[in-house]
Each structure stands twice: as structure tokens, then as C-alpha cells.
């Protein structure tokens, strides 16, 4: 059986601590053509906020996954497709590599392991909240990012490598280095995707392009452009 994300070109990440644009709804977000929704954020997460967004998004025909930043923000609801759990490979604080995960397993007796998957994060924007929280070493060259990706897949069996530039547009060559280093793992990219062109460019290097702030700041029309860019990147023949 193929992984749920095997045919995802595009994901919208919704932060429960933020609002949508005035006049827009979660139904509108689901209608952008995105392949899946991830619900999660770094700061301000509560169970109530998470539950509100999960309830609103699972009413529509798009896969919905929680990406929790702490155990308190995890909810279990009918219609939820599962959980995508960050494992930050270059975290300086090991809590974000194994500690938070241990606490979830200790405190939550209702984990559906069949619907729980991990994302091997490589955090690369030192000014981002996630870098600050995890004390990530973001000063990495392309070969180091490639090595992290290879270790994640070959040593730790990770099926998703998430190259995260959260809040800024990353280096396509570094994303390509991660992609070249893995055999079967999917490469997710997030950070600074704001229009058709950026989604198209990163869609050439990553398997899946992720937008987050865009849906809150610019709205569904802008998101729809990035969906088209990511899709077109896969449709165009690869050079060489």
C-alpha cells in the first residue's frame, strides 16, 4: 500500500492560533485544489483551538492531519486522517527529537499508531520560531543537509524529509541536495512559497510544496496559484 502522501504535490498548513482572511472559510481553503491540510503551529497551541479547526476542516473532502507541537494540542476526532509528527534532526534541544514524542506516548492512551507518521525536519531559517524553540543548528551546507536526509532515511527509516525554511524562501540547490540523497523518502519543502513561480520552482526539487502563512495573510486565491505552480512543476518534463 502506498503512503498517503505519495501523490501529494501541495499541502496547506493551517495555524489554529491565526485567523483566515475576512470573508473566507475553511471550505474555501479546501476548494483550492490542495492535496491535504496539516493543522498545527509553533506557538499559542491549545486543544480548544485545534479542535475548532479540525472540526471545521474534516467536514470537507480533503485529507486532514494534525502536526502537533505539543501533547496539549492533540485531539482525536472522527474524520481526522492522522498525525504527522515532527522529528527535528538538527535540533540543539533533544526534546524536539525524542522528548516531546516520549511525553505524548506517556500521556495519551488513545494514539492510533496506524495513522501516525513522522516527518524528519531539517530546520534552516535561524530567525524562525521553530528554529528558536528547537535551538536548531541552521548553519548547514548542502552536503550536510544531504547527509541529514540520508541518515534519516537509511538509519532511522524516515519516509518524509521536511526541509523547513519557515518564513523565508529557501535555497533550491539545498532542497535538491536533500532530494538527491534519498532513494524512496518523500521530500517536503516549506518556507516562503507565495505565488505560482515560487511553487513551480520548489516543486521541481521537492515532492511536496507546503504553504502556511500565505493562507492567513493573502487568502485562498493566492493559495490556488501555488497549487497550480506545484502541479505544473510535476507535469513538465525534468531537464536532462
C-alpha atoms as a PDB file:
ATOM      1  CA  UNK A   1       0.000   0.000   0.000  1.00  0.00           C
ATOM      2  CA  UNK A   2       1.390   3.401  -0.978  1.00  0.00           C
ATOM      3  CA  UNK A   3       1.923   6.128   1.611  1.00  0.00           C
ATOM      4  CA  UNK A   4      -0.901   8.679   1.950  1.00  0.00           C
ATOM      5  CA  UNK A   5       1.415  11.447   0.744  1.00  0.00           C
ATOM      6  CA  UNK A   6       2.760   9.586  -2.300  1.00  0.00           C
ATOM      7  CA  UNK A   7       0.675  11.674  -4.709  1.00  0.00           C
ATOM      8  CA  UNK A   8       0.626  14.965  -2.796  1.00  0.00           C
ATOM      9  CA  UNK A   9       2.057  17.906  -4.738  1.00  0.00           C
ATOM     10  CA  UNK A  10       0.780  20.562  -2.342  1.00  0.00           C
ATOM     11  CA  UNK A  11      -0.222  20.952   1.313  1.00  0.00           C
ATOM     12  CA  UNK A  12      -1.815  23.870   3.134  1.00  0.00           C
ATOM     13  CA  UNK A  13      -0.677  24.208   6.731  1.00  0.00           C
ATOM     14  CA  UNK A  14      -3.265  25.947   8.914  1.00  0.00           C
ATOM     15  CA  UNK A  15      -2.236  27.545  12.195  1.00  0.00           C
ATOM     16  CA  UNK A  16      -5.090  27.317  14.741  1.00  0.00           C
ATOM     17  CA  UNK A  17      -3.669  30.368  16.512  1.00  0.00           C
ATOM     18  CA  UNK A  18      -4.290  32.512  13.414  1.00  0.00           C
ATOM     19  CA  UNK A  19      -7.403  33.563  11.552  1.00  0.00           C
ATOM     20  CA  UNK A  20      -8.352  33.232   7.918  1.00  0.00           C
ATOM     21  CA  UNK A  21      -8.828  36.299   5.749  1.00  0.00           C
ATOM     22  CA  UNK A  22     -12.080  38.150   6.348  1.00  0.00           C
ATOM     23  CA  UNK A  23     -14.933  36.550   4.438  1.00  0.00           C
ATOM     24  CA  UNK A  24     -13.062  33.299   3.756  1.00  0.00           C
ATOM     25  CA  UNK A  25     -13.899  29.908   5.238  1.00  0.00           C
ATOM     26  CA  UNK A  26     -12.241  26.546   5.707  1.00  0.00           C
ATOM     27  CA  UNK A  27     -14.476  25.272   2.923  1.00  0.00           C
ATOM     28  CA  UNK A  28     -12.834  27.865   0.662  1.00  0.00           C
ATOM     29  CA  UNK A  29      -9.388  26.614   1.686  1.00  0.00           C
ATOM     30  CA  UNK A  30     -10.359  23.026   0.926  1.00  0.00           C
ATOM     31  CA  UNK A  31     -11.606  24.114  -2.505  1.00  0.00           C
ATOM     32  CA  UNK A  32      -8.215  25.499  -3.592  1.00  0.00           C
ATOM     33  CA  UNK A  33      -7.205  22.119  -5.014  1.00  0.00           C
ATOM     34  CA  UNK A  34      -4.594  21.387  -2.358  1.00  0.00           C
ATOM     35  CA  UNK A  35      -3.928  17.709  -1.721  1.00  0.00           C
ATOM     36  CA  UNK A  36      -4.012  17.802   2.079  1.00  0.00           C
ATOM     37  CA  UNK A  37      -4.215  20.008   5.154  1.00  0.00           C
ATOM     38  CA  UNK A  38      -1.824  19.995   8.095  1.00  0.00           C
ATOM     39  CA  UNK A  39      -3.168  21.598  11.253  1.00  0.00           C
ATOM     40  CA  UNK A  40      -0.546  22.923  13.623  1.00  0.00           C
ATOM     41  CA  UNK A  41       1.630  25.791  14.745  1.00  0.00           C
ATOM     42  CA  UNK A  42       4.653  26.544  16.888  1.00  0.00           C
ATOM     43  CA  UNK A  43       3.155  28.949  19.424  1.00  0.00           C
ATOM     44  CA  UNK A  44      -0.201  29.518  21.089  1.00  0.00           C
ATOM     45  CA  UNK A  45      -1.446  25.977  20.611  1.00  0.00           C
ATOM     46  CA  UNK A  46      -4.346  24.740  22.748  1.00  0.00           C
ATOM     47  CA  UNK A  47      -6.680  21.783  22.498  1.00  0.00           C
ATOM     48  CA  UNK A  48      -9.675  24.078  22.025  1.00  0.00           C
ATOM     49  CA  UNK A  49      -8.107  25.941  19.109  1.00  0.00           C
ATOM     50  CA  UNK A  50      -7.025  22.695  17.487  1.00  0.00           C
ATOM     51  CA  UNK A  51     -10.447  21.100  17.951  1.00  0.00           C
ATOM     52  CA  UNK A  52     -12.178  24.074  16.322  1.00  0.00           C
ATOM     53  CA  UNK A  53     -10.068  23.883  13.170  1.00  0.00           C
ATOM     54  CA  UNK A  54     -10.144  20.094  12.952  1.00  0.00           C
ATOM     55  CA  UNK A  55     -13.921  20.054  13.230  1.00  0.00           C
ATOM     56  CA  UNK A  56     -14.257  22.699  10.512  1.00  0.00           C
ATOM     57  CA  UNK A  57     -11.815  21.110   8.057  1.00  0.00           C
ATOM     58  CA  UNK A  58     -12.765  17.442   8.376  1.00  0.00           C
ATOM     59  CA  UNK A  59     -16.242  18.321   7.130  1.00  0.00           C
ATOM     60  CA  UNK A  60     -14.780  18.598   3.619  1.00  0.00           C
ATOM     61  CA  UNK A  61     -13.282  16.133   1.164  1.00  0.00           C
ATOM     62  CA  UNK A  62      -9.576  16.839   1.738  1.00  0.00           C
ATOM     63  CA  UNK A  63      -7.245  14.722   3.911  1.00  0.00           C
ATOM     64  CA  UNK A  64      -6.638  16.393   7.284  1.00  0.00           C
ATOM     65  CA  UNK A  65      -3.643  15.660   9.505  1.00  0.00           C
ATOM     66  CA  UNK A  66      -2.620  17.184  12.813  1.00  0.00           C
ATOM     67  CA  UNK A  67       1.003  18.273  13.103  1.00  0.00           C
ATOM     68  CA  UNK A  68       1.296  18.802  16.867  1.00  0.00           C
ATOM     69  CA  UNK A  69       3.911  20.956  18.543  1.00  0.00           C
ATOM     70  CA  UNK A  70       2.968  19.681  21.990  1.00  0.00           C
ATOM     71  CA  UNK A  71       0.808  16.986  23.520  1.00  0.00           C
ATOM     72  CA  UNK A  72      -1.756  19.510  24.769  1.00  0.00           C
ATOM     73  CA  UNK A  73      -2.726  20.390  21.205  1.00  0.00           C
ATOM     74  CA  UNK A  74      -3.531  16.843  20.101  1.00  0.00           C
ATOM     75  CA  UNK A  75      -7.180  15.977  19.614  1.00  0.00           C
ATOM     76  CA  UNK A  76      -8.855  12.791  18.427  1.00  0.00           C
ATOM     77  CA  UNK A  77     -11.836  13.362  16.158  1.00  0.00           C
ATOM     78  CA  UNK A  78     -13.788  11.258  13.704  1.00  0.00           C
ATOM     79  CA  UNK A  79     -12.873  12.238  10.163  1.00  0.00           C
ATOM     80  CA  UNK A  80      -9.261  13.060  11.008  1.00  0.00           C
ATOM     81  CA  UNK A  81      -6.893  11.178   8.705  1.00  0.00           C
ATOM     82  CA  UNK A  82      -3.957  11.018  11.065  1.00  0.00           C
ATOM     83  CA  UNK A  83      -0.933  12.693  12.632  1.00  0.00           C
ATOM     84  CA  UNK A  84       2.326  13.936  11.118  1.00  0.00           C
ATOM     85  CA  UNK A  85       4.855  14.233  13.915  1.00  0.00           C
ATOM     86  CA  UNK A  86       7.943  16.451  13.505  1.00  0.00           C
ATOM     87  CA  UNK A  87      11.303  14.979  14.483  1.00  0.00           C
ATOM     88  CA  UNK A  88      13.844  17.809  14.233  1.00  0.00           C
ATOM     89  CA  UNK A  89      17.101  16.251  13.109  1.00  0.00           C
ATOM     90  CA  UNK A  90      19.248  19.335  13.671  1.00  0.00           C
ATOM     91  CA  UNK A  91      17.665  20.410  16.955  1.00  0.00           C
ATOM     92  CA  UNK A  92      20.030  21.540  19.651  1.00  0.00           C
ATOM     93  CA  UNK A  93      17.454  20.580  22.267  1.00  0.00           C
ATOM     94  CA  UNK A  94      16.825  16.817  22.123  1.00  0.00           C
ATOM     95  CA  UNK A  95      13.317  17.388  23.482  1.00  0.00           C
ATOM     96  CA  UNK A  96      12.356  18.082  19.857  1.00  0.00           C
ATOM     97  CA  UNK A  97      13.989  14.877  18.631  1.00  0.00           C
ATOM     98  CA  UNK A  98      12.627  12.387  21.154  1.00  0.00           C
ATOM     99  CA  UNK A  99      11.492  14.146  24.338  1.00  0.00           C
ATOM    100  CA  UNK A 100       8.183  15.585  23.136  1.00  0.00           C
ATOM    101  CA  UNK A 101       7.370  12.268  21.500  1.00  0.00           C
ATOM    102  CA  UNK A 102       8.016  10.362  24.702  1.00  0.00           C
ATOM    103  CA  UNK A 103       5.689  12.705  26.571  1.00  0.00           C
ATOM    104  CA  UNK A 104       2.909  12.189  24.021  1.00  0.00           C
ATOM    105  CA  UNK A 105       3.214   8.414  24.320  1.00  0.00           C
ATOM    106  CA  UNK A 106       3.256   8.690  28.119  1.00  0.00           C
ATOM    107  CA  UNK A 107       0.238  10.973  28.427  1.00  0.00           C
ATOM    108  CA  UNK A 108      -2.037   9.880  25.574  1.00  0.00           C
ATOM    109  CA  UNK A 109      -3.614   6.430  25.771  1.00  0.00           C
ATOM    110  CA  UNK A 110      -5.581   6.937  22.548  1.00  0.00           C
ATOM    111  CA  UNK A 111      -2.804   7.214  19.966  1.00  0.00           C
ATOM    112  CA  UNK A 112      -3.705   5.498  16.707  1.00  0.00           C
ATOM    113  CA  UNK A 113      -0.297   4.287  15.664  1.00  0.00           C
ATOM    114  CA  UNK A 114      -1.597   3.037  12.313  1.00  0.00           C
ATOM    115  CA  UNK A 115      -2.398   6.658  11.441  1.00  0.00           C
ATOM    116  CA  UNK A 116       0.695   8.255  12.978  1.00  0.00           C
ATOM    117  CA  UNK A 117       3.721   9.127  10.845  1.00  0.00           C
ATOM    118  CA  UNK A 118       6.900  11.105  11.432  1.00  0.00           C
ATOM    119  CA  UNK A 119       8.466  13.928   9.437  1.00  0.00           C
ATOM    120  CA  UNK A 120      12.238  14.251   9.633  1.00  0.00           C
ATOM    121  CA  UNK A 121      12.633  18.024   9.818  1.00  0.00           C
ATOM    122  CA  UNK A 122      15.753  19.907   8.791  1.00  0.00           C
ATOM    123  CA  UNK A 123      15.207  23.487  10.025  1.00  0.00           C
ATOM    124  CA  UNK A 124      17.184  26.070   8.057  1.00  0.00           C
ATOM    125  CA  UNK A 125      15.906  29.566   8.882  1.00  0.00           C
ATOM    126  CA  UNK A 126      17.677  30.718  12.076  1.00  0.00           C
ATOM    127  CA  UNK A 127      15.212  33.592  12.530  1.00  0.00           C
ATOM    128  CA  UNK A 128      12.124  31.376  12.604  1.00  0.00           C
ATOM    129  CA  UNK A 129      10.135  30.481  15.704  1.00  0.00           C
ATOM    130  CA  UNK A 130      10.734  26.786  15.127  1.00  0.00           C
ATOM    131  CA  UNK A 131      14.500  27.337  14.994  1.00  0.00           C
ATOM    132  CA  UNK A 132      14.384  29.311  18.233  1.00  0.00           C
ATOM    133  CA  UNK A 133      12.187  26.779  20.007  1.00  0.00           C
ATOM    134  CA  UNK A 134      14.268  23.789  18.951  1.00  0.00           C
ATOM    135  CA  UNK A 135      17.647  25.556  19.181  1.00  0.00           C
ATOM    136  CA  UNK A 136      18.306  24.274  15.678  1.00  0.00           C
ATOM    137  CA  UNK A 137      21.735  24.481  14.080  1.00  0.00           C
ATOM    138  CA  UNK A 138      20.739  26.182  10.827  1.00  0.00           C
ATOM    139  CA  UNK A 139      24.265  26.924   9.608  1.00  0.00           C
ATOM    140  CA  UNK A 140      24.390  23.937   7.276  1.00  0.00           C
ATOM    141  CA  UNK A 141      25.937  23.458   3.848  1.00  0.00           C
ATOM    142  CA  UNK A 142      24.212  21.482   1.108  1.00  0.00           C
ATOM    143  CA  UNK A 143      26.274  18.364   1.777  1.00  0.00           C
ATOM    144  CA  UNK A 144      25.327  18.470   5.461  1.00  0.00           C
ATOM    145  CA  UNK A 145      21.632  18.741   4.637  1.00  0.00           C
ATOM    146  CA  UNK A 146      22.058  15.837   2.213  1.00  0.00           C
ATOM    147  CA  UNK A 147      23.756  13.820   4.938  1.00  0.00           C
ATOM    148  CA  UNK A 148      20.925  14.500   7.386  1.00  0.00           C
ATOM    149  CA  UNK A 149      18.443  13.348   4.745  1.00  0.00           C
ATOM    150  CA  UNK A 150      20.421  10.187   4.052  1.00  0.00           C
ATOM    151  CA  UNK A 151      20.758   9.359   7.752  1.00  0.00           C
ATOM    152  CA  UNK A 152      17.046   9.967   8.277  1.00  0.00           C
ATOM    153  CA  UNK A 153      16.082   7.518   5.552  1.00  0.00           C
ATOM    154  CA  UNK A 154      18.802   4.889   5.768  1.00  0.00           C
ATOM    155  CA  UNK A 155      19.445   4.754   9.518  1.00  0.00           C
ATOM    156  CA  UNK A 156      16.131   5.810  11.004  1.00  0.00           C
ATOM    157  CA  UNK A 157      13.704   4.643   8.337  1.00  0.00           C
ATOM    158  CA  UNK A 158      12.087   8.034   7.838  1.00  0.00           C
ATOM    159  CA  UNK A 159       9.683   8.261   4.907  1.00  0.00           C
ATOM    160  CA  UNK A 160       9.365  12.064   4.880  1.00  0.00           C
ATOM    161  CA  UNK A 161      12.244  14.539   4.809  1.00  0.00           C
ATOM    162  CA  UNK A 162      10.922  18.027   5.564  1.00  0.00           C
ATOM    163  CA  UNK A 163      13.222  20.878   4.517  1.00  0.00           C
ATOM    164  CA  UNK A 164      11.888  23.815   6.526  1.00  0.00           C
ATOM    165  CA  UNK A 165      12.761  27.446   5.858  1.00  0.00           C
ATOM    166  CA  UNK A 166       9.689  28.713   7.754  1.00  0.00           C
ATOM    167  CA  UNK A 167       9.084  32.377   6.949  1.00  0.00           C
ATOM    168  CA  UNK A 168      11.625  32.789   4.159  1.00  0.00           C
ATOM    169  CA  UNK A 169      12.274  31.346   0.718  1.00  0.00           C
ATOM    170  CA  UNK A 170      14.979  28.736   0.750  1.00  0.00           C
ATOM    171  CA  UNK A 171      17.830  27.651  -1.497  1.00  0.00           C
ATOM    172  CA  UNK A 172      16.599  25.339  -4.293  1.00  0.00           C
ATOM    173  CA  UNK A 173      20.058  23.766  -4.552  1.00  0.00           C
ATOM    174  CA  UNK A 174      19.909  22.695  -0.914  1.00  0.00           C
ATOM    175  CA  UNK A 175      16.455  21.223  -1.402  1.00  0.00           C
ATOM    176  CA  UNK A 176      17.742  19.356  -4.441  1.00  0.00           C
ATOM    177  CA  UNK A 177      20.684  18.059  -2.408  1.00  0.00           C
ATOM    178  CA  UNK A 178      18.245  16.543   0.068  1.00  0.00           C
ATOM    179  CA  UNK A 179      16.230  15.027  -2.780  1.00  0.00           C
ATOM    180  CA  UNK A 180      19.338  13.541  -4.388  1.00  0.00           C
ATOM    181  CA  UNK A 181      20.390  11.957  -1.090  1.00  0.00           C
ATOM    182  CA  UNK A 182      17.272   9.834  -0.627  1.00  0.00           C
ATOM    183  CA  UNK A 183      16.068   6.802  -2.522  1.00  0.00           C
ATOM    184  CA  UNK A 184      12.381   6.493  -1.718  1.00  0.00           C
ATOM    185  CA  UNK A 185      11.630   9.038   1.001  1.00  0.00           C
ATOM    186  CA  UNK A 186       9.438  11.981   0.018  1.00  0.00           C
ATOM    187  CA  UNK A 187      10.924  15.468   0.304  1.00  0.00           C
ATOM    188  CA  UNK A 188       8.574  18.120   1.678  1.00  0.00           C
ATOM    189  CA  UNK A 189       9.501  21.784   1.351  1.00  0.00           C
ATOM    190  CA  UNK A 190       8.093  24.668   3.382  1.00  0.00           C
ATOM    191  CA  UNK A 191       9.038  28.337   3.534  1.00  0.00           C
ATOM    192  CA  UNK A 192       8.327  31.495   1.574  1.00  0.00           C
ATOM    193  CA  UNK A 193       6.077  29.990  -1.085  1.00  0.00           C
ATOM    194  CA  UNK A 194       3.913  32.953  -2.073  1.00  0.00           C
ATOM    195  CA  UNK A 195       2.992  32.692  -5.736  1.00  0.00           C
ATOM    196  CA  UNK A 196       2.907  30.489  -8.812  1.00  0.00           C
ATOM    197  CA  UNK A 197       6.583  30.994  -9.642  1.00  0.00           C
ATOM    198  CA  UNK A 198       7.983  30.056  -6.230  1.00  0.00           C
ATOM    199  CA  UNK A 199       5.738  26.996  -6.011  1.00  0.00           C
ATOM    200  CA  UNK A 200       6.763  25.952  -9.514  1.00  0.00           C
ATOM    201  CA  UNK A 201      10.468  26.359  -8.773  1.00  0.00           C
ATOM    202  CA  UNK A 202      10.435  24.434  -5.497  1.00  0.00           C
ATOM    203  CA  UNK A 203       8.058  21.878  -6.998  1.00  0.00           C
ATOM    204  CA  UNK A 204      10.908  20.950  -9.334  1.00  0.00           C
ATOM    205  CA  UNK A 205      13.093  19.966  -6.382  1.00  0.00           C
ATOM    206  CA  UNK A 206      10.684  18.746  -3.701  1.00  0.00           C
ATOM    207  CA  UNK A 207       7.978  16.126  -3.953  1.00  0.00           C
ATOM    208  CA  UNK A 208       5.537  18.261  -1.987  1.00  0.00           C
ATOM    209  CA  UNK A 209       5.333  22.034  -1.554  1.00  0.00           C
ATOM    210  CA  UNK A 210       3.775  23.434   1.628  1.00  0.00           C
ATOM    211  CA  UNK A 211       2.241  26.864   2.199  1.00  0.00           C
ATOM    212  CA  UNK A 212       1.311  28.174   5.623  1.00  0.00           C
ATOM    213  CA  UNK A 213       1.323  31.903   6.338  1.00  0.00           C
ATOM    214  CA  UNK A 214       0.042  32.523   2.819  1.00  0.00           C
ATOM    215  CA  UNK A 215      -3.452  31.240   3.567  1.00  0.00           C
ATOM    216  CA  UNK A 216      -3.748  33.517   6.609  1.00  0.00           C
ATOM    217  CA  UNK A 217      -2.081  36.601   5.108  1.00  0.00           C
ATOM    218  CA  UNK A 218      -3.082  36.577   1.442  1.00  0.00           C
ATOM    219  CA  UNK A 219      -6.004  34.153   1.248  1.00  0.00           C
ATOM    220  CA  UNK A 220      -7.322  31.387  -0.917  1.00  0.00           C
ATOM    221  CA  UNK A 221      -6.720  32.980  -4.333  1.00  0.00           C
ATOM    222  CA  UNK A 222      -3.005  33.171  -3.589  1.00  0.00           C
ATOM    223  CA  UNK A 223      -3.038  29.592  -2.314  1.00  0.00           C
ATOM    224  CA  UNK A 224      -4.745  28.437  -5.505  1.00  0.00           C
ATOM    225  CA  UNK A 225      -1.886  29.958  -7.539  1.00  0.00           C
ATOM    226  CA  UNK A 226       0.650  27.927  -5.580  1.00  0.00           C
ATOM    227  CA  UNK A 227      -1.368  24.749  -6.114  1.00  0.00           C
ATOM    228  CA  UNK A 228      -1.203  25.369  -9.857  1.00  0.00           C
ATOM    229  CA  UNK A 229       2.537  26.051  -9.684  1.00  0.00           C
ATOM    230  CA  UNK A 230       3.274  22.867  -7.756  1.00  0.00           C
ATOM    231  CA  UNK A 231       1.148  20.787 -10.122  1.00  0.00           C
ATOM    232  CA  UNK A 232       2.670  22.285 -13.252  1.00  0.00           C
ATOM    233  CA  UNK A 233       6.158  21.598 -11.921  1.00  0.00           C
ATOM    234  CA  UNK A 234       5.360  17.885 -11.838  1.00  0.00           C
ATOM    235  CA  UNK A 235       3.714  17.931 -15.261  1.00  0.00           C
ATOM    236  CA  UNK A 236       6.702  19.494 -17.043  1.00  0.00           C
ATOM    237  CA  UNK A 237       9.466  17.073 -18.128  1.00  0.00           C
ATOM    238  CA  UNK A 238      12.608  17.172 -15.984  1.00  0.00           C
ATOM    239  CA  UNK A 239      15.575  18.799 -17.713  1.00  0.00           C
ATOM    240  CA  UNK A 240      18.284  16.468 -18.922  1.00  0.00           C
END
